Amino acid sequence: MPDDLKKSLGDEETGNTIHKICERNNVLDNLPDVIDLTGEVLLGILPLEKFQKSLETELNLDSKTAKSLYREIFRYVFYPVKESLAEIYKTDITPPTSYQEIMKPEAKTEKEDNYRETVE
């Protein structure tokens, strides 16, 4: 198992991050189960693409809440170790579509200058 995954699994900060995410999504009652499922992904037991569905089915969460949990956990827990996860699962780890939209740099647009004086 890669060192960054070992560190993430045993890191108190990972647990604190998941706690904050569960708190924001009003699912603190399910915190131990969310931590367990997250750990299963990090251990290579639960494929990342099944994580959101597992949140829905195993924790009886509605799809909106499960999606929100998945996006946040992906961003703060899985994304920092995505190379190691890709190595374990032998596949590319791609962010959720909504995450890709959030992280896409904004296109710069030049504002029109409405105040222009004529140059003589």
PDB file of N, CA and C in Angstrom:
ATOM      1  N   MET A   1       0.843  -1.179   0.000  1.00  0.00           N
ATOM      2  CA  MET A   1       0.000   0.000   0.000  1.00  0.00           C
ATOM      3  C   MET A   1       0.888   1.241   0.000  1.00  0.00           C
ATOM      4  N   PRO A   2       0.600   2.196  -0.871  1.00  0.00           N
ATOM      5  CA  PRO A   2       1.397   3.424  -0.938  1.00  0.00           C
ATOM      6  C   PRO A   2       1.352   4.202   0.385  1.00  0.00           C
ATOM      7  N   ASP A   3       2.463   4.878   0.673  1.00  0.00           N
ATOM      8  CA  ASP A   3       2.598   5.599   1.933  1.00  0.00           C
ATOM      9  C   ASP A   3       1.550   6.695   2.118  1.00  0.00           C
ATOM     10  N   ASP A   4       1.203   7.399   1.035  1.00  0.00           N
ATOM     11  CA  ASP A   4       0.224   8.479   1.193  1.00  0.00           C
ATOM     12  C   ASP A   4      -1.158   7.951   1.570  1.00  0.00           C
ATOM     13  N   LEU A   5      -1.495   6.742   1.104  1.00  0.00           N
ATOM     14  CA  LEU A   5      -2.772   6.140   1.492  1.00  0.00           C
ATOM     15  C   LEU A   5      -2.728   5.698   2.950  1.00  0.00           C
ATOM     16  N   LYS A   6      -1.601   5.136   3.378  1.00  0.00           N
ATOM     17  CA  LYS A   6      -1.453   4.746   4.786  1.00  0.00           C
ATOM     18  C   LYS A   6      -1.604   5.962   5.676  1.00  0.00           C
ATOM     19  N   LYS A   7      -0.941   7.043   5.269  1.00  0.00           N
ATOM     20  CA  LYS A   7      -1.006   8.275   6.056  1.00  0.00           C
ATOM     21  C   LYS A   7      -2.432   8.806   6.108  1.00  0.00           C
ATOM     22  N   SER A   8      -3.114   8.815   4.976  1.00  0.00           N
ATOM     23  CA  SER A   8      -4.476   9.320   4.916  1.00  0.00           C
ATOM     24  C   SER A   8      -5.417   8.478   5.773  1.00  0.00           C
ATOM     25  N   LEU A   9      -5.228   7.173   5.768  1.00  0.00           N
ATOM     26  CA  LEU A   9      -6.066   6.276   6.565  1.00  0.00           C
ATOM     27  C   LEU A   9      -5.909   6.517   8.060  1.00  0.00           C
ATOM     28  N   GLY A  10      -4.687   6.721   8.500  1.00  0.00           N
ATOM     29  CA  GLY A  10      -4.433   6.864   9.919  1.00  0.00           C
ATOM     30  C   GLY A  10      -4.387   8.297  10.408  1.00  0.00           C
ATOM     31  N   ASP A  11      -4.605   9.235   9.522  1.00  0.00           N
ATOM     32  CA  ASP A  11      -4.465  10.652   9.860  1.00  0.00           C
ATOM     33  C   ASP A  11      -5.705  11.176  10.578  1.00  0.00           C
ATOM     34  N   GLU A  12      -5.481  11.816  11.704  1.00  0.00           N
ATOM     35  CA  GLU A  12      -6.579  12.423  12.449  1.00  0.00           C
ATOM     36  C   GLU A  12      -7.249  13.518  11.626  1.00  0.00           C
ATOM     37  N   GLU A  13      -6.465  14.201  10.803  1.00  0.00           N
ATOM     38  CA  GLU A  13      -7.005  15.278   9.965  1.00  0.00           C
ATOM     39  C   GLU A  13      -8.043  14.736   8.971  1.00  0.00           C
ATOM     40  N   THR A  14      -7.826  13.527   8.459  1.00  0.00           N
ATOM     41  CA  THR A  14      -8.808  12.916   7.549  1.00  0.00           C
ATOM     42  C   THR A  14     -10.133  12.725   8.275  1.00  0.00           C
ATOM     43  N   GLY A  15     -10.068  12.222   9.484  1.00  0.00           N
ATOM     44  CA  GLY A  15     -11.283  12.043  10.284  1.00  0.00           C
ATOM     45  C   GLY A  15     -11.962  13.371  10.582  1.00  0.00           C
ATOM     46  N   ASN A  16     -11.172  14.380  10.907  1.00  0.00           N
ATOM     47  CA  ASN A  16     -11.736  15.707  11.176  1.00  0.00           C
ATOM     48  C   ASN A  16     -12.399  16.287   9.928  1.00  0.00           C
ATOM     49  N   THR A  17     -11.766  16.064   8.784  1.00  0.00           N
ATOM     50  CA  THR A  17     -12.324  16.547   7.512  1.00  0.00           C
ATOM     51  C   THR A  17     -13.664  15.884   7.228  1.00  0.00           C
ATOM     52  N   ILE A  18     -13.723  14.571   7.406  1.00  0.00           N
ATOM     53  CA  ILE A  18     -14.974  13.843   7.159  1.00  0.00           C
ATOM     54  C   ILE A  18     -16.041  14.293   8.158  1.00  0.00           C
ATOM     55  N   HIS A  19     -15.642  14.536   9.391  1.00  0.00           N
ATOM     56  CA  HIS A  19     -16.583  15.029  10.404  1.00  0.00           C
ATOM     57  C   HIS A  19     -17.196  16.361   9.956  1.00  0.00           C
ATOM     58  N   LYS A  20     -16.360  17.289   9.488  1.00  0.00           N
ATOM     59  CA  LYS A  20     -16.850  18.594   9.030  1.00  0.00           C
ATOM     60  C   LYS A  20     -17.789  18.443   7.833  1.00  0.00           C
ATOM     61  N   ILE A  21     -17.433  17.530   6.924  1.00  0.00           N
ATOM     62  CA  ILE A  21     -18.270  17.303   5.739  1.00  0.00           C
ATOM     63  C   ILE A  21     -19.627  16.750   6.162  1.00  0.00           C
ATOM     64  N   CYS A  22     -19.635  15.794   7.076  1.00  0.00           N
ATOM     65  CA  CYS A  22     -20.896  15.224   7.555  1.00  0.00           C
ATOM     66  C   CYS A  22     -21.724  16.275   8.290  1.00  0.00           C
ATOM     67  N   GLU A  23     -21.051  17.128   9.033  1.00  0.00           N
ATOM     68  CA  GLU A  23     -21.743  18.194   9.755  1.00  0.00           C
ATOM     69  C   GLU A  23     -22.404  19.161   8.772  1.00  0.00           C
ATOM     70  N   ARG A  24     -21.676  19.559   7.728  1.00  0.00           N
ATOM     71  CA  ARG A  24     -22.224  20.479   6.717  1.00  0.00           C
ATOM     72  C   ARG A  24     -23.424  19.879   5.995  1.00  0.00           C
ATOM     73  N   ASN A  25     -23.414  18.547   5.855  1.00  0.00           N
ATOM     74  CA  ASN A  25     -24.494  17.876   5.130  1.00  0.00           C
ATOM     75  C   ASN A  25     -25.556  17.281   6.048  1.00  0.00           C
ATOM     76  N   ASN A  26     -25.488  17.622   7.336  1.00  0.00           N
ATOM     77  CA  ASN A  26     -26.476  17.166   8.329  1.00  0.00           C
ATOM     78  C   ASN A  26     -26.618  15.650   8.409  1.00  0.00           C
ATOM     79  N   VAL A  27     -25.491  14.951   8.380  1.00  0.00           N
ATOM     80  CA  VAL A  27     -25.513  13.487   8.503  1.00  0.00           C
ATOM     81  C   VAL A  27     -24.529  13.011   9.576  1.00  0.00           C
ATOM     82  N   LEU A  28     -24.409  13.774  10.648  1.00  0.00           N
ATOM     83  CA  LEU A  28     -23.476  13.387  11.716  1.00  0.00           C
ATOM     84  C   LEU A  28     -23.817  12.032  12.315  1.00  0.00           C
ATOM     85  N   ASP A  29     -25.086  11.650  12.288  1.00  0.00           N
ATOM     86  CA  ASP A  29     -25.481  10.338  12.813  1.00  0.00           C
ATOM     87  C   ASP A  29     -24.815   9.207  12.033  1.00  0.00           C
ATOM     88  N   ASN A  30     -24.483   9.460  10.775  1.00  0.00           N
ATOM     89  CA  ASN A  30     -23.887   8.442   9.913  1.00  0.00           C
ATOM     90  C   ASN A  30     -22.367   8.543   9.838  1.00  0.00           C
ATOM     91  N   LEU A  31     -21.766   9.409  10.653  1.00  0.00           N
ATOM     92  CA  LEU A  31     -20.321   9.640  10.586  1.00  0.00           C
ATOM     93  C   LEU A  31     -19.492   8.360  10.623  1.00  0.00           C
ATOM     94  N   PRO A  32     -19.725   7.441  11.562  1.00  0.00           N
ATOM     95  CA  PRO A  32     -18.894   6.223  11.582  1.00  0.00           C
ATOM     96  C   PRO A  32     -18.983   5.421  10.276  1.00  0.00           C
ATOM     97  N   ASP A  33     -20.189   5.358   9.708  1.00  0.00           N
ATOM     98  CA  ASP A  33     -20.365   4.602   8.463  1.00  0.00           C
ATOM     99  C   ASP A  33     -19.709   5.304   7.275  1.00  0.00           C
ATOM    100  N   VAL A  34     -19.776   6.638   7.257  1.00  0.00           N
ATOM    101  CA  VAL A  34     -19.122   7.394   6.183  1.00  0.00           C
ATOM    102  C   VAL A  34     -17.608   7.195   6.273  1.00  0.00           C
ATOM    103  N   ILE A  35     -17.075   7.220   7.490  1.00  0.00           N
ATOM    104  CA  ILE A  35     -15.637   6.978   7.682  1.00  0.00           C
ATOM    105  C   ILE A  35     -15.270   5.568   7.227  1.00  0.00           C
ATOM    106  N   ASP A  36     -16.106   4.587   7.551  1.00  0.00           N
ATOM    107  CA  ASP A  36     -15.842   3.205   7.130  1.00  0.00           C
ATOM    108  C   ASP A  36     -15.821   3.070   5.610  1.00  0.00           C
ATOM    109  N   LEU A  37     -16.815   3.661   4.939  1.00  0.00           N
ATOM    110  CA  LEU A  37     -16.868   3.572   3.473  1.00  0.00           C
ATOM    111  C   LEU A  37     -15.684   4.292   2.832  1.00  0.00           C
ATOM    112  N   THR A  38     -15.316   5.430   3.393  1.00  0.00           N
ATOM    113  CA  THR A  38     -14.160   6.169   2.891  1.00  0.00           C
ATOM    114  C   THR A  38     -12.898   5.326   3.056  1.00  0.00           C
ATOM    115  N   GLY A  39     -12.765   4.679   4.193  1.00  0.00           N
ATOM    116  CA  GLY A  39     -11.630   3.795   4.435  1.00  0.00           C
ATOM    117  C   GLY A  39     -11.596   2.625   3.467  1.00  0.00           C
ATOM    118  N   GLU A  40     -12.754   2.088   3.128  1.00  0.00           N
ATOM    119  CA  GLU A  40     -12.812   0.983   2.170  1.00  0.00           C
ATOM    120  C   GLU A  40     -12.301   1.412   0.799  1.00  0.00           C
ATOM    121  N   VAL A  41     -12.608   2.647   0.411  1.00  0.00           N
ATOM    122  CA  VAL A  41     -12.090   3.163  -0.867  1.00  0.00           C
ATOM    123  C   VAL A  41     -10.572   3.282  -0.783  1.00  0.00           C
ATOM    124  N   LEU A  42     -10.081   3.852   0.304  1.00  0.00           N
ATOM    125  CA  LEU A  42      -8.636   4.047   0.459  1.00  0.00           C
ATOM    126  C   LEU A  42      -7.874   2.722   0.545  1.00  0.00           C
ATOM    127  N   LEU A  43      -8.531   1.678   1.054  1.00  0.00           N
ATOM    128  CA  LEU A  43      -7.903   0.359   1.153  1.00  0.00           C
ATOM    129  C   LEU A  43      -7.983  -0.433  -0.150  1.00  0.00           C
ATOM    130  N   GLY A  44      -8.794   0.038  -1.078  1.00  0.00           N
ATOM    131  CA  GLY A  44      -8.933  -0.673  -2.345  1.00  0.00           C
ATOM    132  C   GLY A  44     -10.025  -1.716  -2.325  1.00  0.00           C
ATOM    133  N   ILE A  45     -10.900  -1.672  -1.322  1.00  0.00           N
ATOM    134  CA  ILE A  45     -11.985  -2.639  -1.202  1.00  0.00           C
ATOM    135  C   ILE A  45     -13.214  -2.189  -1.980  1.00  0.00           C
ATOM    136  N   LEU A  46     -13.544  -0.912  -1.860  1.00  0.00           N
ATOM    137  CA  LEU A  46     -14.723  -0.349  -2.519  1.00  0.00           C
ATOM    138  C   LEU A  46     -14.269   0.561  -3.661  1.00  0.00           C
ATOM    139  N   PRO A  47     -14.585   0.198  -4.896  1.00  0.00           N
ATOM    140  CA  PRO A  47     -14.197   1.059  -6.016  1.00  0.00           C
ATOM    141  C   PRO A  47     -14.816   2.449  -5.880  1.00  0.00           C
ATOM    142  N   LEU A  48     -14.051   3.444  -6.242  1.00  0.00           N
ATOM    143  CA  LEU A  48     -14.488   4.835  -6.107  1.00  0.00           C
ATOM    144  C   LEU A  48     -15.798   5.102  -6.831  1.00  0.00           C
ATOM    145  N   GLU A  49     -15.986   4.481  -7.985  1.00  0.00           N
ATOM    146  CA  GLU A  49     -17.218   4.736  -8.744  1.00  0.00           C
ATOM    147  C   GLU A  49     -18.463   4.175  -8.046  1.00  0.00           C
ATOM    148  N   LYS A  50     -18.290   3.318  -7.040  1.00  0.00           N
ATOM    149  CA  LYS A  50     -19.428   2.764  -6.301  1.00  0.00           C
ATOM    150  C   LYS A  50     -19.631   3.476  -4.958  1.00  0.00           C
ATOM    151  N   PHE A  51     -18.779   4.427  -4.645  1.00  0.00           N
ATOM    152  CA  PHE A  51     -18.830   5.098  -3.352  1.00  0.00           C
ATOM    153  C   PHE A  51     -20.144   5.847  -3.139  1.00  0.00           C
ATOM    154  N   GLN A  52     -20.543   6.670  -4.090  1.00  0.00           N
ATOM    155  CA  GLN A  52     -21.774   7.440  -3.946  1.00  0.00           C
ATOM    156  C   GLN A  52     -22.986   6.526  -3.805  1.00  0.00           C
ATOM    157  N   LYS A  53     -23.056   5.496  -4.621  1.00  0.00           N
ATOM    158  CA  LYS A  53     -24.187   4.560  -4.558  1.00  0.00           C
ATOM    159  C   LYS A  53     -24.211   3.841  -3.215  1.00  0.00           C
ATOM    160  N   SER A  54     -23.023   3.527  -2.682  1.00  0.00           N
ATOM    161  CA  SER A  54     -22.952   2.880  -1.371  1.00  0.00           C
ATOM    162  C   SER A  54     -23.444   3.818  -0.271  1.00  0.00           C
ATOM    163  N   LEU A  55     -23.147   5.098  -0.404  1.00  0.00           N
ATOM    164  CA  LEU A  55     -23.661   6.070   0.567  1.00  0.00           C
ATOM    165  C   LEU A  55     -25.188   6.070   0.556  1.00  0.00           C
ATOM    166  N   GLU A  56     -25.755   5.969  -0.630  1.00  0.00           N
ATOM    167  CA  GLU A  56     -27.214   5.964  -0.757  1.00  0.00           C
ATOM    168  C   GLU A  56     -27.818   4.691  -0.179  1.00  0.00           C
ATOM    169  N   THR A  57     -27.301   3.547  -0.615  1.00  0.00           N
ATOM    170  CA  THR A  57     -27.935   2.282  -0.245  1.00  0.00           C
ATOM    171  C   THR A  57     -27.621   1.840   1.182  1.00  0.00           C
ATOM    172  N   GLU A  58     -26.371   1.918   1.581  1.00  0.00           N
ATOM    173  CA  GLU A  58     -25.996   1.417   2.899  1.00  0.00           C
ATOM    174  C   GLU A  58     -26.378   2.365   4.032  1.00  0.00           C
ATOM    175  N   LEU A  59     -26.433   3.668   3.734  1.00  0.00           N
ATOM    176  CA  LEU A  59     -26.739   4.642   4.776  1.00  0.00           C
ATOM    177  C   LEU A  59     -28.139   5.237   4.622  1.00  0.00           C
ATOM    178  N   ASN A  60     -28.860   4.773   3.610  1.00  0.00           N
ATOM    179  CA  ASN A  60     -30.217   5.262   3.337  1.00  0.00           C
ATOM    180  C   ASN A  60     -30.259   6.782   3.183  1.00  0.00           C
ATOM    181  N   LEU A  61     -29.320   7.313   2.424  1.00  0.00           N
ATOM    182  CA  LEU A  61     -29.281   8.749   2.159  1.00  0.00           C
ATOM    183  C   LEU A  61     -29.949   9.038   0.821  1.00  0.00           C
ATOM    184  N   ASP A  62     -30.560  10.219   0.729  1.00  0.00           N
ATOM    185  CA  ASP A  62     -31.128  10.598  -0.561  1.00  0.00           C
ATOM    186  C   ASP A  62     -29.978  10.904  -1.527  1.00  0.00           C
ATOM    187  N   SER A  63     -30.271  10.861  -2.800  1.00  0.00           N
ATOM    188  CA  SER A  63     -29.204  10.992  -3.801  1.00  0.00           C
ATOM    189  C   SER A  63     -28.523  12.355  -3.754  1.00  0.00           C
ATOM    190  N   LYS A  64     -29.261  13.407  -3.426  1.00  0.00           N
ATOM    191  CA  LYS A  64     -28.671  14.740  -3.356  1.00  0.00           C
ATOM    192  C   LYS A  64     -27.628  14.812  -2.231  1.00  0.00           C
ATOM    193  N   THR A  65     -27.962  14.277  -1.078  1.00  0.00           N
ATOM    194  CA  THR A  65     -27.038  14.280   0.058  1.00  0.00           C
ATOM    195  C   THR A  65     -25.831  13.399  -0.230  1.00  0.00           C
ATOM    196  N   ALA A  66     -26.075  12.223  -0.800  1.00  0.00           N
ATOM    197  CA  ALA A  66     -24.981  11.311  -1.128  1.00  0.00           C
ATOM    198  C   ALA A  66     -24.041  11.944  -2.149  1.00  0.00           C
ATOM    199  N   LYS A  67     -24.600  12.636  -3.107  1.00  0.00           N
ATOM    200  CA  LYS A  67     -23.784  13.293  -4.131  1.00  0.00           C
ATOM    201  C   LYS A  67     -22.936  14.399  -3.516  1.00  0.00           C
ATOM    202  N   SER A  68     -23.526  15.161  -2.625  1.00  0.00           N
ATOM    203  CA  SER A  68     -22.797  16.234  -1.959  1.00  0.00           C
ATOM    204  C   SER A  68     -21.649  15.664  -1.105  1.00  0.00           C
ATOM    205  N   LEU A  69     -21.929  14.599  -0.353  1.00  0.00           N
ATOM    206  CA  LEU A  69     -20.880  13.937   0.434  1.00  0.00           C
ATOM    207  C   LEU A  69     -19.769  13.432  -0.470  1.00  0.00           C
ATOM    208  N   TYR A  70     -20.158  12.758  -1.547  1.00  0.00           N
ATOM    209  CA  TYR A  70     -19.179  12.211  -2.484  1.00  0.00           C
ATOM    210  C   TYR A  70     -18.276  13.306  -3.043  1.00  0.00           C
ATOM    211  N   ARG A  71     -18.874  14.408  -3.476  1.00  0.00           N
ATOM    212  CA  ARG A  71     -18.079  15.494  -4.063  1.00  0.00           C
ATOM    213  C   ARG A  71     -17.089  16.067  -3.059  1.00  0.00           C
ATOM    214  N   GLU A  72     -17.555  16.309  -1.845  1.00  0.00           N
ATOM    215  CA  GLU A  72     -16.669  16.899  -0.843  1.00  0.00           C
ATOM    216  C   GLU A  72     -15.584  15.924  -0.396  1.00  0.00           C
ATOM    217  N   ILE A  73     -15.958  14.673  -0.179  1.00  0.00           N
ATOM    218  CA  ILE A  73     -14.954  13.682   0.231  1.00  0.00           C
ATOM    219  C   ILE A  73     -13.961  13.459  -0.898  1.00  0.00           C
ATOM    220  N   PHE A  74     -14.440  13.465  -2.133  1.00  0.00           N
ATOM    221  CA  PHE A  74     -13.515  13.335  -3.256  1.00  0.00           C
ATOM    222  C   PHE A  74     -12.508  14.480  -3.236  1.00  0.00           C
ATOM    223  N   ARG A  75     -13.002  15.679  -3.062  1.00  0.00           N
ATOM    224  CA  ARG A  75     -12.139  16.861  -3.123  1.00  0.00           C
ATOM    225  C   ARG A  75     -11.101  16.888  -2.006  1.00  0.00           C
ATOM    226  N   TYR A  76     -11.530  16.590  -0.788  1.00  0.00           N
ATOM    227  CA  TYR A  76     -10.640  16.764   0.353  1.00  0.00           C
ATOM    228  C   TYR A  76      -9.906  15.499   0.796  1.00  0.00           C
ATOM    229  N   VAL A  77     -10.410  14.331   0.451  1.00  0.00           N
ATOM    230  CA  VAL A  77      -9.777  13.090   0.902  1.00  0.00           C
ATOM    231  C   VAL A  77      -9.174  12.308  -0.260  1.00  0.00           C
ATOM    232  N   PHE A  78      -9.953  12.057  -1.297  1.00  0.00           N
ATOM    233  CA  PHE A  78      -9.485  11.203  -2.391  1.00  0.00           C
ATOM    234  C   PHE A  78      -8.575  11.921  -3.381  1.00  0.00           C
ATOM    235  N   TYR A  79      -8.886  13.169  -3.701  1.00  0.00           N
ATOM    236  CA  TYR A  79      -8.108  13.872  -4.720  1.00  0.00           C
ATOM    237  C   TYR A  79      -6.627  14.012  -4.357  1.00  0.00           C
ATOM    238  N   PRO A  80      -6.279  14.324  -3.111  1.00  0.00           N
ATOM    239  CA  PRO A  80      -4.853  14.436  -2.774  1.00  0.00           C
ATOM    240  C   PRO A  80      -4.061  13.130  -2.962  1.00  0.00           C
ATOM    241  N   VAL A  81      -4.756  11.992  -2.975  1.00  0.00           N
ATOM    242  CA  VAL A  81      -4.069  10.703  -3.137  1.00  0.00           C
ATOM    243  C   VAL A  81      -4.528   9.986  -4.403  1.00  0.00           C
ATOM    244  N   LYS A  82      -4.985  10.754  -5.387  1.00  0.00           N
ATOM    245  CA  LYS A  82      -5.583  10.146  -6.581  1.00  0.00           C
ATOM    246  C   LYS A  82      -4.609   9.269  -7.361  1.00  0.00           C
ATOM    247  N   GLU A  83      -3.317   9.623  -7.392  1.00  0.00           N
ATOM    248  CA  GLU A  83      -2.354   8.794  -8.124  1.00  0.00           C
ATOM    249  C   GLU A  83      -2.239   7.407  -7.491  1.00  0.00           C
ATOM    250  N   SER A  84      -2.204   7.365  -6.178  1.00  0.00           N
ATOM    251  CA  SER A  84      -2.116   6.081  -5.484  1.00  0.00           C
ATOM    252  C   SER A  84      -3.402   5.277  -5.648  1.00  0.00           C
ATOM    253  N   LEU A  85      -4.547   5.957  -5.619  1.00  0.00           N
ATOM    254  CA  LEU A  85      -5.811   5.260  -5.853  1.00  0.00           C
ATOM    255  C   LEU A  85      -5.858   4.701  -7.269  1.00  0.00           C
ATOM    256  N   ALA A  86      -5.370   5.471  -8.231  1.00  0.00           N
ATOM    257  CA  ALA A  86      -5.338   5.005  -9.623  1.00  0.00           C
ATOM    258  C   ALA A  86      -4.454   3.771  -9.746  1.00  0.00           C
ATOM    259  N   GLU A  87      -3.366   3.743  -8.983  1.00  0.00           N
ATOM    260  CA  GLU A  87      -2.462   2.604  -8.997  1.00  0.00           C
ATOM    261  C   GLU A  87      -3.148   1.353  -8.420  1.00  0.00           C
ATOM    262  N   ILE A  88      -3.870   1.520  -7.342  1.00  0.00           N
ATOM    263  CA  ILE A  88      -4.563   0.392  -6.710  1.00  0.00           C
ATOM    264  C   ILE A  88      -5.669  -0.145  -7.612  1.00  0.00           C
ATOM    265  N   TYR A  89      -6.468   0.756  -8.164  1.00  0.00           N
ATOM    266  CA  TYR A  89      -7.613   0.341  -8.968  1.00  0.00           C
ATOM    267  C   TYR A  89      -7.269   0.111 -10.434  1.00  0.00           C
ATOM    268  N   LYS A  90      -6.045   0.410 -10.810  1.00  0.00           N
ATOM    269  CA  LYS A  90      -5.590   0.232 -12.194  1.00  0.00           C
ATOM    270  C   LYS A  90      -6.484   0.966 -13.192  1.00  0.00           C
ATOM    271  N   THR A  91      -6.843   2.188 -12.837  1.00  0.00           N
ATOM    272  CA  THR A  91      -7.682   3.017 -13.686  1.00  0.00           C
ATOM    273  C   THR A  91      -7.409   4.483 -13.378  1.00  0.00           C
ATOM    274  N   ASP A  92      -7.817   5.359 -14.266  1.00  0.00           N
ATOM    275  CA  ASP A  92      -7.691   6.788 -14.014  1.00  0.00           C
ATOM    276  C   ASP A  92      -8.753   7.213 -13.012  1.00  0.00           C
ATOM    277  N   ILE A  93      -8.367   8.088 -12.123  1.00  0.00           N
ATOM    278  CA  ILE A  93      -9.309   8.637 -11.153  1.00  0.00           C
ATOM    279  C   ILE A  93      -9.692  10.018 -11.649  1.00  0.00           C
ATOM    280  N   THR A  94     -10.945  10.161 -12.034  1.00  0.00           N
ATOM    281  CA  THR A  94     -11.407  11.445 -12.552  1.00  0.00           C
ATOM    282  C   THR A  94     -12.415  12.055 -11.592  1.00  0.00           C
ATOM    283  N   PRO A  95     -12.312  13.345 -11.396  1.00  0.00           N
ATOM    284  CA  PRO A  95     -13.251  14.027 -10.500  1.00  0.00           C
ATOM    285  C   PRO A  95     -14.670  13.955 -11.040  1.00  0.00           C
ATOM    286  N   PRO A  96     -15.648  14.064 -10.135  1.00  0.00           N
ATOM    287  CA  PRO A  96     -17.036  14.132 -10.596  1.00  0.00           C
ATOM    288  C   PRO A  96     -17.209  15.321 -11.529  1.00  0.00           C
ATOM    289  N   THR A  97     -18.148  15.241 -12.434  1.00  0.00           N
ATOM    290  CA  THR A  97     -18.368  16.301 -13.411  1.00  0.00           C
ATOM    291  C   THR A  97     -18.547  17.650 -12.744  1.00  0.00           C
ATOM    292  N   SER A  98     -19.334  17.695 -11.706  1.00  0.00           N
ATOM    293  CA  SER A  98     -19.576  18.967 -11.034  1.00  0.00           C
ATOM    294  C   SER A  98     -18.290  19.503 -10.419  1.00  0.00           C
ATOM    295  N   TYR A  99     -17.419  18.612  -9.955  1.00  0.00           N
ATOM    296  CA  TYR A  99     -16.136  19.021  -9.391  1.00  0.00           C
ATOM    297  C   TYR A  99     -15.256  19.617 -10.483  1.00  0.00           C
ATOM    298  N   GLN A 100     -15.278  19.006 -11.660  1.00  0.00           N
ATOM    299  CA  GLN A 100     -14.484  19.525 -12.771  1.00  0.00           C
ATOM    300  C   GLN A 100     -14.944  20.928 -13.134  1.00  0.00           C
ATOM    301  N   GLU A 101     -16.243  21.168 -13.090  1.00  0.00           N
ATOM    302  CA  GLU A 101     -16.772  22.495 -13.407  1.00  0.00           C
ATOM    303  C   GLU A 101     -16.336  23.512 -12.365  1.00  0.00           C
ATOM    304  N   ILE A 102     -16.333  23.112 -11.099  1.00  0.00           N
ATOM    305  CA  ILE A 102     -15.928  24.008 -10.020  1.00  0.00           C
ATOM    306  C   ILE A 102     -14.462  24.384 -10.169  1.00  0.00           C
ATOM    307  N   MET A 103     -13.625  23.415 -10.513  1.00  0.00           N
ATOM    308  CA  MET A 103     -12.187  23.622 -10.551  1.00  0.00           C
ATOM    309  C   MET A 103     -11.709  24.241 -11.859  1.00  0.00           C
ATOM    310  N   LYS A 104     -12.598  24.340 -12.865  1.00  0.00           N
ATOM    311  CA  LYS A 104     -12.200  24.897 -14.154  1.00  0.00           C
ATOM    312  C   LYS A 104     -11.906  26.385 -13.993  1.00  0.00           C
ATOM    313  N   PRO A 105     -10.764  26.845 -14.484  1.00  0.00           N
ATOM    314  CA  PRO A 105     -10.469  28.270 -14.366  1.00  0.00           C
ATOM    315  C   PRO A 105     -11.469  29.086 -15.180  1.00  0.00           C
ATOM    316  N   GLU A 106     -11.826  30.216 -14.617  1.00  0.00           N
ATOM    317  CA  GLU A 106     -12.779  31.079 -15.306  1.00  0.00           C
ATOM    318  C   GLU A 106     -12.107  31.733 -16.503  1.00  0.00           C
ATOM    319  N   ALA A 107     -12.868  31.828 -17.559  1.00  0.00           N
ATOM    320  CA  ALA A 107     -12.347  32.506 -18.742  1.00  0.00           C
ATOM    321  C   ALA A 107     -12.311  33.999 -18.458  1.00  0.00           C
ATOM    322  N   LYS A 108     -11.204  34.598 -18.793  1.00  0.00           N
ATOM    323  CA  LYS A 108     -11.072  36.033 -18.553  1.00  0.00           C
ATOM    324  C   LYS A 108     -11.741  36.780 -19.688  1.00  0.00           C
ATOM    325  N   THR A 109     -12.570  37.692 -19.301  1.00  0.00           N
ATOM    326  CA  THR A 109     -13.223  38.531 -20.297  1.00  0.00           C
ATOM    327  C   THR A 109     -12.847  39.967 -20.004  1.00  0.00           C
ATOM    328  N   GLU A 110     -12.577  40.672 -21.038  1.00  0.00           N
ATOM    329  CA  GLU A 110     -12.223  42.072 -20.861  1.00  0.00           C
ATOM    330  C   GLU A 110     -13.507  42.872 -20.765  1.00  0.00           C
ATOM    331  N   LYS A 111     -13.519  43.738 -19.778  1.00  0.00           N
ATOM    332  CA  LYS A 111     -14.679  44.592 -19.605  1.00  0.00           C
ATOM    333  C   LYS A 111     -14.561  45.769 -20.555  1.00  0.00           C
ATOM    334  N   GLU A 112     -15.685  46.107 -21.098  1.00  0.00           N
ATOM    335  CA  GLU A 112     -15.708  47.252 -22.006  1.00  0.00           C
ATOM    336  C   GLU A 112     -15.622  48.527 -21.190  1.00  0.00           C
ATOM    337  N   ASP A 113     -14.782  49.413 -21.601  1.00  0.00           N
ATOM    338  CA  ASP A 113     -14.613  50.696 -20.928  1.00  0.00           C
ATOM    339  C   ASP A 113     -15.636  51.650 -21.500  1.00  0.00           C
ATOM    340  N   ASN A 114     -16.661  51.945 -20.701  1.00  0.00           N
ATOM    341  CA  ASN A 114     -17.730  52.820 -21.163  1.00  0.00           C
ATOM    342  C   ASN A 114     -17.330  54.282 -21.161  1.00  0.00           C
ATOM    343  N   TYR A 115     -16.292  54.583 -20.445  1.00  0.00           N
ATOM    344  CA  TYR A 115     -15.862  55.967 -20.359  1.00  0.00           C
ATOM    345  C   TYR A 115     -14.598  56.154 -21.174  1.00  0.00           C
ATOM    346  N   ARG A 116     -14.753  56.670 -22.322  1.00  0.00           N
ATOM    347  CA  ARG A 116     -13.599  56.907 -23.191  1.00  0.00           C
ATOM    348  C   ARG A 116     -13.683  58.321 -23.731  1.00  0.00           C
ATOM    349  N   GLU A 117     -12.605  59.004 -23.610  1.00  0.00           N
ATOM    350  CA  GLU A 117     -12.545  60.354 -24.165  1.00  0.00           C
ATOM    351  C   GLU A 117     -11.883  60.288 -25.510  1.00  0.00           C
ATOM    352  N   THR A 118     -12.279  61.175 -26.342  1.00  0.00           N
ATOM    353  CA  THR A 118     -11.647  61.227 -27.652  1.00  0.00           C
ATOM    354  C   THR A 118     -10.275  61.850 -27.504  1.00  0.00           C
ATOM    355  N   VAL A 119      -9.351  61.333 -28.262  1.00  0.00           N
ATOM    356  CA  VAL A 119      -7.980  61.835 -28.227  1.00  0.00           C
ATOM    357  C   VAL A 119      -7.806  62.713 -29.444  1.00  0.00           C
ATOM    358  N   GLU A 120      -7.357  63.927 -29.190  1.00  0.00           N
ATOM    359  CA  GLU A 120      -7.178  64.853 -30.309  1.00  0.00           C
ATOM    360  C   GLU A 120      -5.732  65.124 -30.560  1.00  0.00           C
TER     361      GLU A 120
END
